[in-house]
PDB file of N, CA and C in Angstrom:
ATOM      1  N   MET A   1     111.195 104.755  92.500  1.00  0.00           N
ATOM      2  CA  MET A   1     112.702 104.483  92.524  1.00  0.00           C
ATOM      3  C   MET A   1     113.452 103.775  92.673  1.00  0.00           C
ATOM      4  N   LEU A   2     113.798 102.646  92.688  1.00  0.00           N
ATOM      5  CA  LEU A   2     114.883 101.510  93.429  1.00  0.00           C
ATOM      6  C   LEU A   2     116.134 101.817  93.837  1.00  0.00           C
ATOM      7  N   THR A   3     116.129 102.233  94.416  1.00  0.00           N
ATOM      8  CA  THR A   3     117.460 102.494  95.340  1.00  0.00           C
ATOM      9  C   THR A   3     117.960 101.709  97.050  1.00  0.00           C
ATOM     10  N   HIS A   4     118.969 101.804  97.183  1.00  0.00           N
ATOM     11  CA  HIS A   4     120.214 101.195  97.934  1.00  0.00           C
ATOM     12  C   HIS A   4     120.000 101.649  99.013  1.00  0.00           C
ATOM     13  N   CYS A   5     119.625 101.567 100.405  1.00  0.00           N
ATOM     14  CA  CYS A   5     119.265 101.973 101.648  1.00  0.00           C
ATOM     15  C   CYS A   5     120.723 102.040 102.072  1.00  0.00           C
ATOM     16  N   GLN A   6     121.343 102.224 102.396  1.00  0.00           N
ATOM     17  CA  GLN A   6     122.835 102.605 103.724  1.00  0.00           C
ATOM     18  C   GLN A   6     122.685 101.837 105.202  1.00  0.00           C
ATOM     19  N   THR A   7     121.658 102.097 105.588  1.00  0.00           N
ATOM     20  CA  THR A   7     121.529 101.297 107.409  1.00  0.00           C
ATOM     21  C   THR A   7     121.108  99.915 107.042  1.00  0.00           C
ATOM     22  N   CYS A   8     119.993  99.985 106.275  1.00  0.00           N
ATOM     23  CA  CYS A   8     119.357  98.792 106.532  1.00  0.00           C
ATOM     24  C   CYS A   8     120.230  96.892 105.126  1.00  0.00           C
ATOM     25  N   ASN A   9     120.620  98.341 104.389  1.00  0.00           N
ATOM     26  CA  ASN A   9     121.367  97.150 103.086  1.00  0.00           C
ATOM     27  C   ASN A   9     120.781  96.740 102.308  1.00  0.00           C
ATOM     28  N   GLU A  10     119.361  97.368 102.416  1.00  0.00           N
ATOM     29  CA  GLU A  10     118.427  96.863 101.154  1.00  0.00           C
ATOM     30  C   GLU A  10     118.328  97.405 100.155  1.00  0.00           C
ATOM     31  N   PRO A  11     117.204  96.586  99.155  1.00  0.00           N
ATOM     32  CA  PRO A  11     117.133  97.493  98.295  1.00  0.00           C
ATOM     33  C   PRO A  11     115.317  98.477  98.199  1.00  0.00           C
ATOM     34  N   THR A  12     115.335  99.083  98.067  1.00  0.00           N
ATOM     35  CA  THR A  12     114.196  99.963  98.481  1.00  0.00           C
ATOM     36  C   THR A  12     113.929 101.022  97.470  1.00  0.00           C
ATOM     37  N   ASP A  13     112.209 101.321  97.895  1.00  0.00           N
ATOM     38  CA  ASP A  13     111.588 103.058  97.565  1.00  0.00           C
ATOM     39  C   ASP A  13     111.943 103.627  98.110  1.00  0.00           C
ATOM     40  N   VAL A  14     112.020 104.906  98.025  1.00  0.00           N
ATOM     41  CA  VAL A  14     112.569 105.845  99.264  1.00  0.00           C
ATOM     42  C   VAL A  14     110.948 106.667  99.001  1.00  0.00           C
ATOM     43  N   LYS A  15     110.574 107.341  99.829  1.00  0.00           N
ATOM     44  CA  LYS A  15     110.067 107.763  99.651  1.00  0.00           C
ATOM     45  C   LYS A  15     110.295 109.396  99.918  1.00  0.00           C
ATOM     46  N   LEU A  16     109.671 110.969  99.381  1.00  0.00           N
ATOM     47  CA  LEU A  16     110.215 112.119 100.225  1.00  0.00           C
ATOM     48  C   LEU A  16     108.911 112.660 101.538  1.00  0.00           C
ATOM     49  N   ASP A  17     108.963 113.422 101.943  1.00  0.00           N
ATOM     50  CA  ASP A  17     108.857 114.141 103.129  1.00  0.00           C
ATOM     51  C   ASP A  17     108.430 115.368 102.768  1.00  0.00           C
ATOM     52  N   LYS A  18     107.460 115.787 102.449  1.00  0.00           N
ATOM     53  CA  LYS A  18     106.907 116.944 101.992  1.00  0.00           C
ATOM     54  C   LYS A  18     107.598 118.210 102.598  1.00  0.00           C
ATOM     55  N   ALA A  19     107.329 118.062 104.027  1.00  0.00           N
ATOM     56  CA  ALA A  19     108.320 119.021 105.476  1.00  0.00           C
ATOM     57  C   ALA A  19     109.525 119.696 104.562  1.00  0.00           C
ATOM     58  N   THR A  20     110.238 118.560 104.943  1.00  0.00           N
ATOM     59  CA  THR A  20     111.686 117.967 104.800  1.00  0.00           C
ATOM     60  C   THR A  20     112.205 118.260 103.825  1.00  0.00           C
ATOM     61  N   MET A  21     111.770 117.444 102.054  1.00  0.00           N
ATOM     62  CA  MET A  21     112.615 117.291 101.169  1.00  0.00           C
ATOM     63  C   MET A  21     113.655 116.204 101.725  1.00  0.00           C
ATOM     64  N   LYS A  22     113.042 115.412 102.581  1.00  0.00           N
ATOM     65  CA  LYS A  22     114.537 114.568 102.387  1.00  0.00           C
ATOM     66  C   LYS A  22     113.589 113.157 102.172  1.00  0.00           C
ATOM     67  N   ALA A  23     114.548 112.379 101.614  1.00  0.00           N
ATOM     68  CA  ALA A  23     113.921 111.157 101.416  1.00  0.00           C
ATOM     69  C   ALA A  23     114.088 109.697 101.533  1.00  0.00           C
ATOM     70  N   TYR A  24     113.334 109.313 102.295  1.00  0.00           N
ATOM     71  CA  TYR A  24     113.645 107.978 103.751  1.00  0.00           C
ATOM     72  C   TYR A  24     113.106 106.553 102.504  1.00  0.00           C
ATOM     73  N   CYS A  25     113.406 105.176 103.870  1.00  0.00           N
ATOM     74  CA  CYS A  25     113.402 104.719 103.344  1.00  0.00           C
ATOM     75  C   CYS A  25     112.555 103.666 103.687  1.00  0.00           C
ATOM     76  N   THR A  26     111.484 103.340 102.931  1.00  0.00           N
ATOM     77  CA  THR A  26     110.079 102.771 103.344  1.00  0.00           C
ATOM     78  C   THR A  26     110.978 100.771 103.656  1.00  0.00           C
ATOM     79  N   VAL A  27     111.712 100.647 103.922  1.00  0.00           N
ATOM     80  CA  VAL A  27     111.841  99.271 104.748  1.00  0.00           C
ATOM     81  C   VAL A  27     112.518 100.012 106.109  1.00  0.00           C
ATOM     82  N   CYS A  28     112.821 100.671 106.359  1.00  0.00           N
ATOM     83  CA  CYS A  28     113.824 100.594 107.732  1.00  0.00           C
ATOM     84  C   CYS A  28     113.171 102.348 108.657  1.00  0.00           C
ATOM     85  N   GLY A  29     112.956 103.371 107.647  1.00  0.00           N
ATOM     86  CA  GLY A  29     112.698 104.573 107.466  1.00  0.00           C
ATOM     87  C   GLY A  29     113.063 105.004 108.205  1.00  0.00           C
ATOM     88  N   ASN A  30     114.572 104.922 107.958  1.00  0.00           N
ATOM     89  CA  ASN A  30     115.506 106.307 107.732  1.00  0.00           C
ATOM     90  C   ASN A  30     116.355 107.076 107.179  1.00  0.00           C
ATOM     91  N   GLU A  31     116.607 107.854 107.089  1.00  0.00           N
ATOM     92  CA  GLU A  31     116.784 109.200 105.602  1.00  0.00           C
ATOM     93  C   GLU A  31     118.153 108.624 104.902  1.00  0.00           C
ATOM     94  N   VAL A  32     117.923 108.572 103.631  1.00  0.00           N
ATOM     95  CA  VAL A  32     118.921 108.015 102.728  1.00  0.00           C
ATOM     96  C   VAL A  32     118.876 109.103 102.143  1.00  0.00           C
ATOM     97  N   ILE A  33     120.651 109.153 101.620  1.00  0.00           N
ATOM     98  CA  ILE A  33     120.743 110.361 100.680  1.00  0.00           C
ATOM     99  C   ILE A  33     120.995 110.117  99.454  1.00  0.00           C
ATOM    100  N   VAL A  34     120.613 111.041  98.293  1.00  0.00           N
ATOM    101  CA  VAL A  34     120.014 110.479  97.216  1.00  0.00           C
ATOM    102  C   VAL A  34     120.226 111.295  96.432  1.00  0.00           C
ATOM    103  N   THR A  35     120.703 112.249  95.047  1.00  0.00           N
ATOM    104  CA  THR A  35     121.683 113.210  93.819  1.00  0.00           C
ATOM    105  C   THR A  35     119.904 113.475  94.233  1.00  0.00           C
ATOM    106  N   ARG A  36     120.807 115.235  93.555  1.00  0.00           N
ATOM    107  CA  ARG A  36     119.456 115.809  93.482  1.00  0.00           C
ATOM    108  C   ARG A  36     118.957 115.222  92.484  1.00  0.00           C
ATOM    109  N   PHE A  37     118.966 115.034  91.062  1.00  0.00           N
ATOM    110  CA  PHE A  37     118.267 114.730  90.045  1.00  0.00           C
ATOM    111  C   PHE A  37     117.272 113.849  90.745  1.00  0.00           C
ATOM    112  N   HIS A  38     117.899 112.418  91.352  1.00  0.00           N
ATOM    113  CA  HIS A  38     116.830 111.399  92.080  1.00  0.00           C
ATOM    114  C   HIS A  38     115.721 112.713  93.047  1.00  0.00           C
ATOM    115  N   LEU A  39     115.728 112.578  93.607  1.00  0.00           N
ATOM    116  CA  LEU A  39     114.645 113.772  94.286  1.00  0.00           C
ATOM    117  C   LEU A  39     114.569 114.287  93.277  1.00  0.00           C
ATOM    118  N   GLN A  40     114.178 115.453  92.199  1.00  0.00           N
ATOM    119  CA  GLN A  40     112.926 115.928  91.721  1.00  0.00           C
ATOM    120  C   GLN A  40     113.021 114.905  90.431  1.00  0.00           C
ATOM    121  N   ALA A  41     112.830 113.536  90.320  1.00  0.00           N
ATOM    122  CA  ALA A  41     112.863 112.544  90.022  1.00  0.00           C
ATOM    123  C   ALA A  41     111.232 111.853  90.482  1.00  0.00           C
ATOM    124  N   LEU A  42     112.101 111.932  92.497  1.00  0.00           N
ATOM    125  CA  LEU A  42     111.076 111.637  92.929  1.00  0.00           C
ATOM    126  C   LEU A  42     109.228 112.651  92.826  1.00  0.00           C
ATOM    127  N   LYS A  43     109.786 113.958  93.139  1.00  0.00           N
ATOM    128  CA  LYS A  43     109.080 115.348  93.215  1.00  0.00           C
ATOM    129  C   LYS A  43     108.028 114.568  92.284  1.00  0.00           C
ATOM    130  N   SER A  44     108.597 114.773  90.583  1.00  0.00           N
ATOM    131  CA  SER A  44     108.316 114.736  89.240  1.00  0.00           C
ATOM    132  C   SER A  44     106.900 113.774  90.103  1.00  0.00           C
ATOM    133  N   ASN A  45     107.351 111.756  90.545  1.00  0.00           N
ATOM    134  CA  ASN A  45     106.472 111.260  90.422  1.00  0.00           C
ATOM    135  C   ASN A  45     105.743 110.880  91.261  1.00  0.00           C
ATOM    136  N   GLY A  46     105.473 112.106  92.150  1.00  0.00           N
ATOM    137  CA  GLY A  46     104.570 112.183  93.330  1.00  0.00           C
ATOM    138  C   GLY A  46     104.943 110.503  94.390  1.00  0.00           C
ATOM    139  N   GLU A  47     106.157 110.434  94.402  1.00  0.00           N
ATOM    140  CA  GLU A  47     106.504 109.969  95.063  1.00  0.00           C
ATOM    141  C   GLU A  47     107.182 110.321  96.911  1.00  0.00           C
ATOM    142  N   TRP A  48     105.397 110.956  97.440  1.00  0.00           N
ATOM    143  CA  TRP A  48     105.134 111.226  98.974  1.00  0.00           C
ATOM    144  C   TRP A  48     104.807 110.850  99.630  1.00  0.00           C
ATOM    145  N   MET A  49     105.966 110.703 101.707  1.00  0.00           N
ATOM    146  CA  MET A  49     104.872 110.055 101.974  1.00  0.00           C
ATOM    147  C   MET A  49     103.757 109.855 101.827  1.00  0.00           C
ATOM    148  N   LYS A  50     103.126 108.849 103.234  1.00  0.00           N
ATOM    149  CA  LYS A  50     101.613 108.806 103.944  1.00  0.00           C
ATOM    150  C   LYS A  50     102.290 109.213 104.829  1.00  0.00           C
ATOM    151  N   PRO A  51     101.208 110.570 105.399  1.00  0.00           N
ATOM    152  CA  PRO A  51     101.344 110.440 106.476  1.00  0.00           C
ATOM    153  C   PRO A  51     100.666 109.697 107.202  1.00  0.00           C
ATOM    154  N   LYS A  52     101.136 109.030 108.777  1.00  0.00           N
ATOM    155  CA  LYS A  52     100.706 108.355 109.536  1.00  0.00           C
ATOM    156  C   LYS A  52      99.363 108.579 110.201  1.00  0.00           C
ATOM    157  N   GLY A  53      97.991 107.489 110.398  1.00  0.00           N
ATOM    158  CA  GLY A  53      96.333 108.081 111.359  1.00  0.00           C
ATOM    159  C   GLY A  53      96.922 106.943 112.091  1.00  0.00           C
ATOM    160  N   GLN A  54      96.283 107.476 113.048  1.00  0.00           N
ATOM    161  CA  GLN A  54      95.273 105.954 114.361  1.00  0.00           C
ATOM    162  C   GLN A  54      95.065 105.027 113.230  1.00  0.00           C
ATOM    163  N   SER A  55      94.758 103.551 113.921  1.00  0.00           N
ATOM    164  CA  SER A  55      94.549 102.347 113.386  1.00  0.00           C
ATOM    165  C   SER A  55      93.021 102.602 113.518  1.00  0.00           C
ATOM    166  N   PHE A  56      92.636 102.918 114.755  1.00  0.00           N
ATOM    167  CA  PHE A  56      91.253 102.951 114.796  1.00  0.00           C
ATOM    168  C   PHE A  56      90.275 103.477 115.144  1.00  0.00           C
ATOM    169  N   MET A  57      90.393 104.637 114.132  1.00  0.00           N
ATOM    170  CA  MET A  57      89.112 106.470 113.960  1.00  0.00           C
ATOM    171  C   MET A  57      87.689 106.042 113.973  1.00  0.00           C
ATOM    172  N   PHE A  58      87.420 107.244 114.750  1.00  0.00           N
ATOM    173  CA  PHE A  58      85.324 106.438 114.587  1.00  0.00           C
ATOM    174  C   PHE A  58      84.856 108.115 114.679  1.00  0.00           C
ATOM    175  N   GLN A  59      83.589 108.238 114.528  1.00  0.00           N
ATOM    176  CA  GLN A  59      83.103 109.641 114.098  1.00  0.00           C
ATOM    177  C   GLN A  59      82.610 110.277 116.222  1.00  0.00           C
ATOM    178  N   CYS A  60      83.212 110.674 116.528  1.00  0.00           N
ATOM    179  CA  CYS A  60      82.990 111.690 117.737  1.00  0.00           C
ATOM    180  C   CYS A  60      81.345 112.504 117.805  1.00  0.00           C
ATOM    181  N   ASP A  61      80.762 111.835 118.667  1.00  0.00           N
ATOM    182  CA  ASP A  61      79.258 112.786 118.932  1.00  0.00           C
ATOM    183  C   ASP A  61      79.578 114.034 119.717  1.00  0.00           C
ATOM    184  N   VAL A  62      80.260 114.530 120.628  1.00  0.00           N
ATOM    185  CA  VAL A  62      80.103 114.749 121.424  1.00  0.00           C
ATOM    186  C   VAL A  62      81.199 116.584 121.294  1.00  0.00           C
ATOM    187  N   CYS A  63      82.846 115.340 120.807  1.00  0.00           N
ATOM    188  CA  CYS A  63      83.359 116.353 119.879  1.00  0.00           C
ATOM    189  C   CYS A  63      83.728 116.995 117.913  1.00  0.00           C
ATOM    190  N   LYS A  64      82.863 116.498 117.434  1.00  0.00           N
ATOM    191  CA  LYS A  64      82.546 115.920 116.332  1.00  0.00           C
ATOM    192  C   LYS A  64      83.217 116.564 114.779  1.00  0.00           C
ATOM    193  N   GLY A  65      83.906 114.439 115.345  1.00  0.00           N
ATOM    194  CA  GLY A  65      84.837 114.939 114.390  1.00  0.00           C
ATOM    195  C   GLY A  65      85.296 113.143 114.342  1.00  0.00           C
ATOM    196  N   SER A  66      86.478 113.005 113.324  1.00  0.00           N
ATOM    197  CA  SER A  66      87.478 111.455 113.193  1.00  0.00           C
ATOM    198  C   SER A  66      87.907 111.525 114.265  1.00  0.00           C
ATOM    199  N   ARG A  67      88.004 110.897 115.304  1.00  0.00           N
ATOM    200  CA  ARG A  67      88.407 110.548 116.464  1.00  0.00           C
ATOM    201  C   ARG A  67      89.262 109.322 116.408  1.00  0.00           C
ATOM    202  N   ALA A  68      90.590 109.246 117.098  1.00  0.00           N
ATOM    203  CA  ALA A  68      91.047 107.817 117.278  1.00  0.00           C
ATOM    204  C   ALA A  68      90.083 107.545 118.545  1.00  0.00           C
ATOM    205  N   GLY A  69      90.111 106.316 118.752  1.00  0.00           N
ATOM    206  CA  GLY A  69      89.076 105.781 119.953  1.00  0.00           C
ATOM    207  C   GLY A  69      90.782 104.586 120.061  1.00  0.00           C
ATOM    208  N   ILE A  70      90.489 105.382 121.389  1.00  0.00           N
ATOM    209  CA  ILE A  70      91.223 103.850 122.985  1.00  0.00           C
ATOM    210  C   ILE A  70      90.968 103.674 124.083  1.00  0.00           C
ATOM    211  N   ILE A  71      90.863 102.799 124.986  1.00  0.00           N
ATOM    212  CA  ILE A  71      90.248 101.676 125.374  1.00  0.00           C
ATOM    213  C   ILE A  71      90.797 102.296 126.732  1.00  0.00           C
ATOM    214  N   ASP A  72      89.982 102.374 128.114  1.00  0.00           N
ATOM    215  CA  ASP A  72      90.006 103.031 128.978  1.00  0.00           C
ATOM    216  C   ASP A  72      90.154 101.345 129.717  1.00  0.00           C
ATOM    217  N   ALA A  73      90.596 102.158 131.218  1.00  0.00           N
ATOM    218  CA  ALA A  73      91.039 101.526 132.204  1.00  0.00           C
ATOM    219  C   ALA A  73      88.899  99.585 132.599  1.00  0.00           C
ATOM    220  N   SER A  74      88.210 100.510 132.240  1.00  0.00           N
ATOM    221  CA  SER A  74      86.996  99.571 132.809  1.00  0.00           C
ATOM    222  C   SER A  74      86.767  99.050 131.332  1.00  0.00           C
ATOM    223  N   ASN A  75      87.863  98.449 130.030  1.00  0.00           N
ATOM    224  CA  ASN A  75      87.583  98.766 128.863  1.00  0.00           C
ATOM    225  C   ASN A  75      86.533  98.866 127.788  1.00  0.00           C
ATOM    226  N   LYS A  76      86.618  99.858 128.293  1.00  0.00           N
ATOM    227  CA  LYS A  76      85.116 101.165 126.701  1.00  0.00           C
ATOM    228  C   LYS A  76      86.003 101.577 126.120  1.00  0.00           C
ATOM    229  N   CYS A  77      85.524 101.533 124.195  1.00  0.00           N
ATOM    230  CA  CYS A  77      86.316 102.633 123.775  1.00  0.00           C
ATOM    231  C   CYS A  77      85.807 103.695 123.954  1.00  0.00           C
ATOM    232  N   VAL A  78      86.160 104.975 123.938  1.00  0.00           N
ATOM    233  CA  VAL A  78      86.302 106.281 124.626  1.00  0.00           C
ATOM    234  C   VAL A  78      87.393 106.757 124.141  1.00  0.00           C
ATOM    235  N   CYS A  79      87.383 108.136 123.085  1.00  0.00           N
ATOM    236  CA  CYS A  79      87.166 109.515 122.762  1.00  0.00           C
ATOM    237  C   CYS A  79      88.524 109.465 123.210  1.00  0.00           C
ATOM    238  N   ALA A  80      89.862 110.575 122.183  1.00  0.00           N
ATOM    239  CA  ALA A  80      90.930 110.481 122.475  1.00  0.00           C
ATOM    240  C   ALA A  80      90.945 111.534 123.267  1.00  0.00           C
ATOM    241  N   GLN A  81      90.553 112.177 122.239  1.00  0.00           N
ATOM    242  CA  GLN A  81      90.354 113.987 122.748  1.00  0.00           C
ATOM    243  C   GLN A  81      89.600 114.730 123.993  1.00  0.00           C
ATOM    244  N   CYS A  82      88.227 113.735 123.744  1.00  0.00           N
ATOM    245  CA  CYS A  82      87.569 114.328 124.870  1.00  0.00           C
ATOM    246  C   CYS A  82      87.065 113.221 125.971  1.00  0.00           C
ATOM    247  N   GLY A  83      87.132 112.053 125.537  1.00  0.00           N
ATOM    248  CA  GLY A  83      86.956 110.756 126.981  1.00  0.00           C
ATOM    249  C   GLY A  83      85.787 110.200 126.551  1.00  0.00           C
ATOM    250  N   SER A  84      85.060 110.920 125.248  1.00  0.00           N
ATOM    251  CA  SER A  84      83.277 111.024 125.735  1.00  0.00           C
ATOM    252  C   SER A  84      83.286 108.895 125.560  1.00  0.00           C
ATOM    253  N   ALA A  85      82.229 108.117 125.757  1.00  0.00           N
ATOM    254  CA  ALA A  85      82.630 106.552 125.138  1.00  0.00           C
ATOM    255  C   ALA A  85      82.126 106.943 123.745  1.00  0.00           C
ATOM    256  N   LEU A  86      82.521 106.263 122.455  1.00  0.00           N
ATOM    257  CA  LEU A  86      82.148 105.891 122.015  1.00  0.00           C
ATOM    258  C   LEU A  86      81.808 104.841 121.075  1.00  0.00           C
ATOM    259  N   LYS A  87      80.610 104.540 120.616  1.00  0.00           N
ATOM    260  CA  LYS A  87      79.929 103.398 119.456  1.00  0.00           C
ATOM    261  C   LYS A  87      80.575 102.293 118.630  1.00  0.00           C
ATOM    262  N   VAL A  88      81.098 101.719 119.171  1.00  0.00           N
ATOM    263  CA  VAL A  88      81.834 100.578 118.544  1.00  0.00           C
ATOM    264  C   VAL A  88      81.158  99.187 118.515  1.00  0.00           C
ATOM    265  N   THR A  89      81.421  98.872 118.054  1.00  0.00           N
ATOM    266  CA  THR A  89      80.485  96.885 117.502  1.00  0.00           C
ATOM    267  C   THR A  89      81.099  96.408 118.402  1.00  0.00           C
ATOM    268  N   PRO A  90      80.572  94.895 119.392  1.00  0.00           N
ATOM    269  CA  PRO A  90      81.558  94.572 120.640  1.00  0.00           C
ATOM    270  C   PRO A  90      82.571  93.564 119.805  1.00  0.00           C
ATOM    271  N   ILE A  91      81.981  92.454 118.271  1.00  0.00           N
ATOM    272  CA  ILE A  91      83.792  93.012 117.814  1.00  0.00           C
ATOM    273  C   ILE A  91      84.617  93.326 117.627  1.00  0.00           C
ATOM    274  N   MET A  92      85.133  94.582 117.497  1.00  0.00           N
ATOM    275  CA  MET A  92      85.988  96.157 117.476  1.00  0.00           C
ATOM    276  C   MET A  92      86.254  95.977 118.755  1.00  0.00           C
ATOM    277  N   LEU A  93      85.367  96.036 119.919  1.00  0.00           N
ATOM    278  CA  LEU A  93      85.874  96.438 120.718  1.00  0.00           C
ATOM    279  C   LEU A  93      86.638  95.488 121.445  1.00  0.00           C
ATOM    280  N   GLN A  94      86.479  93.875 121.280  1.00  0.00           N
ATOM    281  CA  GLN A  94      87.346  92.735 121.842  1.00  0.00           C
ATOM    282  C   GLN A  94      88.548  93.032 121.082  1.00  0.00           C
ATOM    283  N   VAL A  95      88.939  93.085 119.885  1.00  0.00           N
ATOM    284  CA  VAL A  95      89.902  93.880 118.590  1.00  0.00           C
ATOM    285  C   VAL A  95      90.988  94.836 119.687  1.00  0.00           C
ATOM    286  N   MET A  96      90.423  96.025 119.836  1.00  0.00           N
ATOM    287  CA  MET A  96      91.058  97.187 120.669  1.00  0.00           C
ATOM    288  C   MET A  96      91.363  96.761 121.950  1.00  0.00           C
ATOM    289  N   VAL A  97      90.612  95.698 122.290  1.00  0.00           N
ATOM    290  CA  VAL A  97      91.299  95.846 123.918  1.00  0.00           C
ATOM    291  C   VAL A  97      92.359  94.180 123.502  1.00  0.00           C
ATOM    292  N   ASP A  98      92.543  93.391 122.728  1.00  0.00           N
ATOM    293  CA  ASP A  98      93.365  92.549 122.620  1.00  0.00           C
ATOM    294  C   ASP A  98      94.591  93.515 122.177  1.00  0.00           C
ATOM    295  N   ARG A  99      94.442  93.917 121.992  1.00  0.00           N
ATOM    296  CA  ARG A  99      95.143  94.851 120.661  1.00  0.00           C
ATOM    297  C   ARG A  99      96.405  95.554 121.968  1.00  0.00           C
ATOM    298  N   LYS A 100      95.328  96.284 122.643  1.00  0.00           N
ATOM    299  CA  LYS A 100      96.056  97.282 124.222  1.00  0.00           C
ATOM    300  C   LYS A 100      96.786  95.476 125.045  1.00  0.00           C
ATOM    301  N   ASN A 101      96.168  94.355 125.350  1.00  0.00           N
ATOM    302  CA  ASN A 101      96.724  93.485 125.890  1.00  0.00           C
ATOM    303  C   ASN A 101      97.689  92.868 125.532  1.00  0.00           C
ATOM    304  N   ASN A 102      98.220  93.498 123.804  1.00  0.00           N
ATOM    305  CA  ASN A 102      99.165  92.105 122.751  1.00  0.00           C
ATOM    306  C   ASN A 102      98.737  91.189 122.894  1.00  0.00           C
ATOM    307  N   LYS A 103      97.603  91.268 122.499  1.00  0.00           N
ATOM    308  CA  LYS A 103      96.916  89.497 122.639  1.00  0.00           C
ATOM    309  C   LYS A 103      96.749  89.245 121.170  1.00  0.00           C
ATOM    310  N   SER A 104      97.832  88.533 120.536  1.00  0.00           N
ATOM    311  CA  SER A 104      97.397  87.536 119.168  1.00  0.00           C
ATOM    312  C   SER A 104      96.143  87.662 118.498  1.00  0.00           C
ATOM    313  N   VAL A 105      95.815  88.031 117.424  1.00  0.00           N
ATOM    314  CA  VAL A 105      93.900  88.339 116.945  1.00  0.00           C
ATOM    315  C   VAL A 105      93.545  87.153 115.979  1.00  0.00           C
ATOM    316  N   GLU A 106      93.256  86.016 116.654  1.00  0.00           N
ATOM    317  CA  GLU A 106      92.730  85.010 115.173  1.00  0.00           C
ATOM    318  C   GLU A 106      91.146  84.446 115.110  1.00  0.00           C
ATOM    319  N   PRO A 107      91.006  84.313 113.925  1.00  0.00           N
ATOM    320  CA  PRO A 107      88.942  84.524 113.762  1.00  0.00           C
ATOM    321  C   PRO A 107      89.173  83.176 114.990  1.00  0.00           C
ATOM    322  N   GLU A 108      87.836  82.504 114.896  1.00  0.00           N
ATOM    323  CA  GLU A 108      86.989  81.461 116.175  1.00  0.00           C
ATOM    324  C   GLU A 108      86.674  80.464 114.948  1.00  0.00           C
ATOM    325  N   GLY A 109      87.567  79.532 115.506  1.00  0.00           N
ATOM    326  CA  GLY A 109      86.999  78.189 114.457  1.00  0.00           C
ATOM    327  C   GLY A 109      88.554  77.956 113.889  1.00  0.00           C
ATOM    328  N   GLU A 110      89.707  78.479 114.123  1.00  0.00           N
ATOM    329  CA  GLU A 110      90.440  78.297 113.353  1.00  0.00           C
ATOM    330  C   GLU A 110      91.725  77.885 114.625  1.00  0.00           C
TER     331      GLU A 110
END
């Protein structure tokens, strides 16, 4: 449902947080005050916030789970939980290193 956000002053779709049952703006992320009827409509329509995930998730062979990959001091991709090396393609490694160094990633030849 389209609602007006009081914080960013934009028309926005609001989403409900399942834990707090409060509505949040999809533009600025701040809480939006809505009526109980609006809350009920959001619940009925399944307008839930999606949990935030990591950008780069890989299967770790040591801790046997899908884990976030981070770049260590030697520019190698390691598991964020156990620190073991993760198998990633050279292109993915370069993207992660560039992202860590805040460089823009552009395709070659353009």
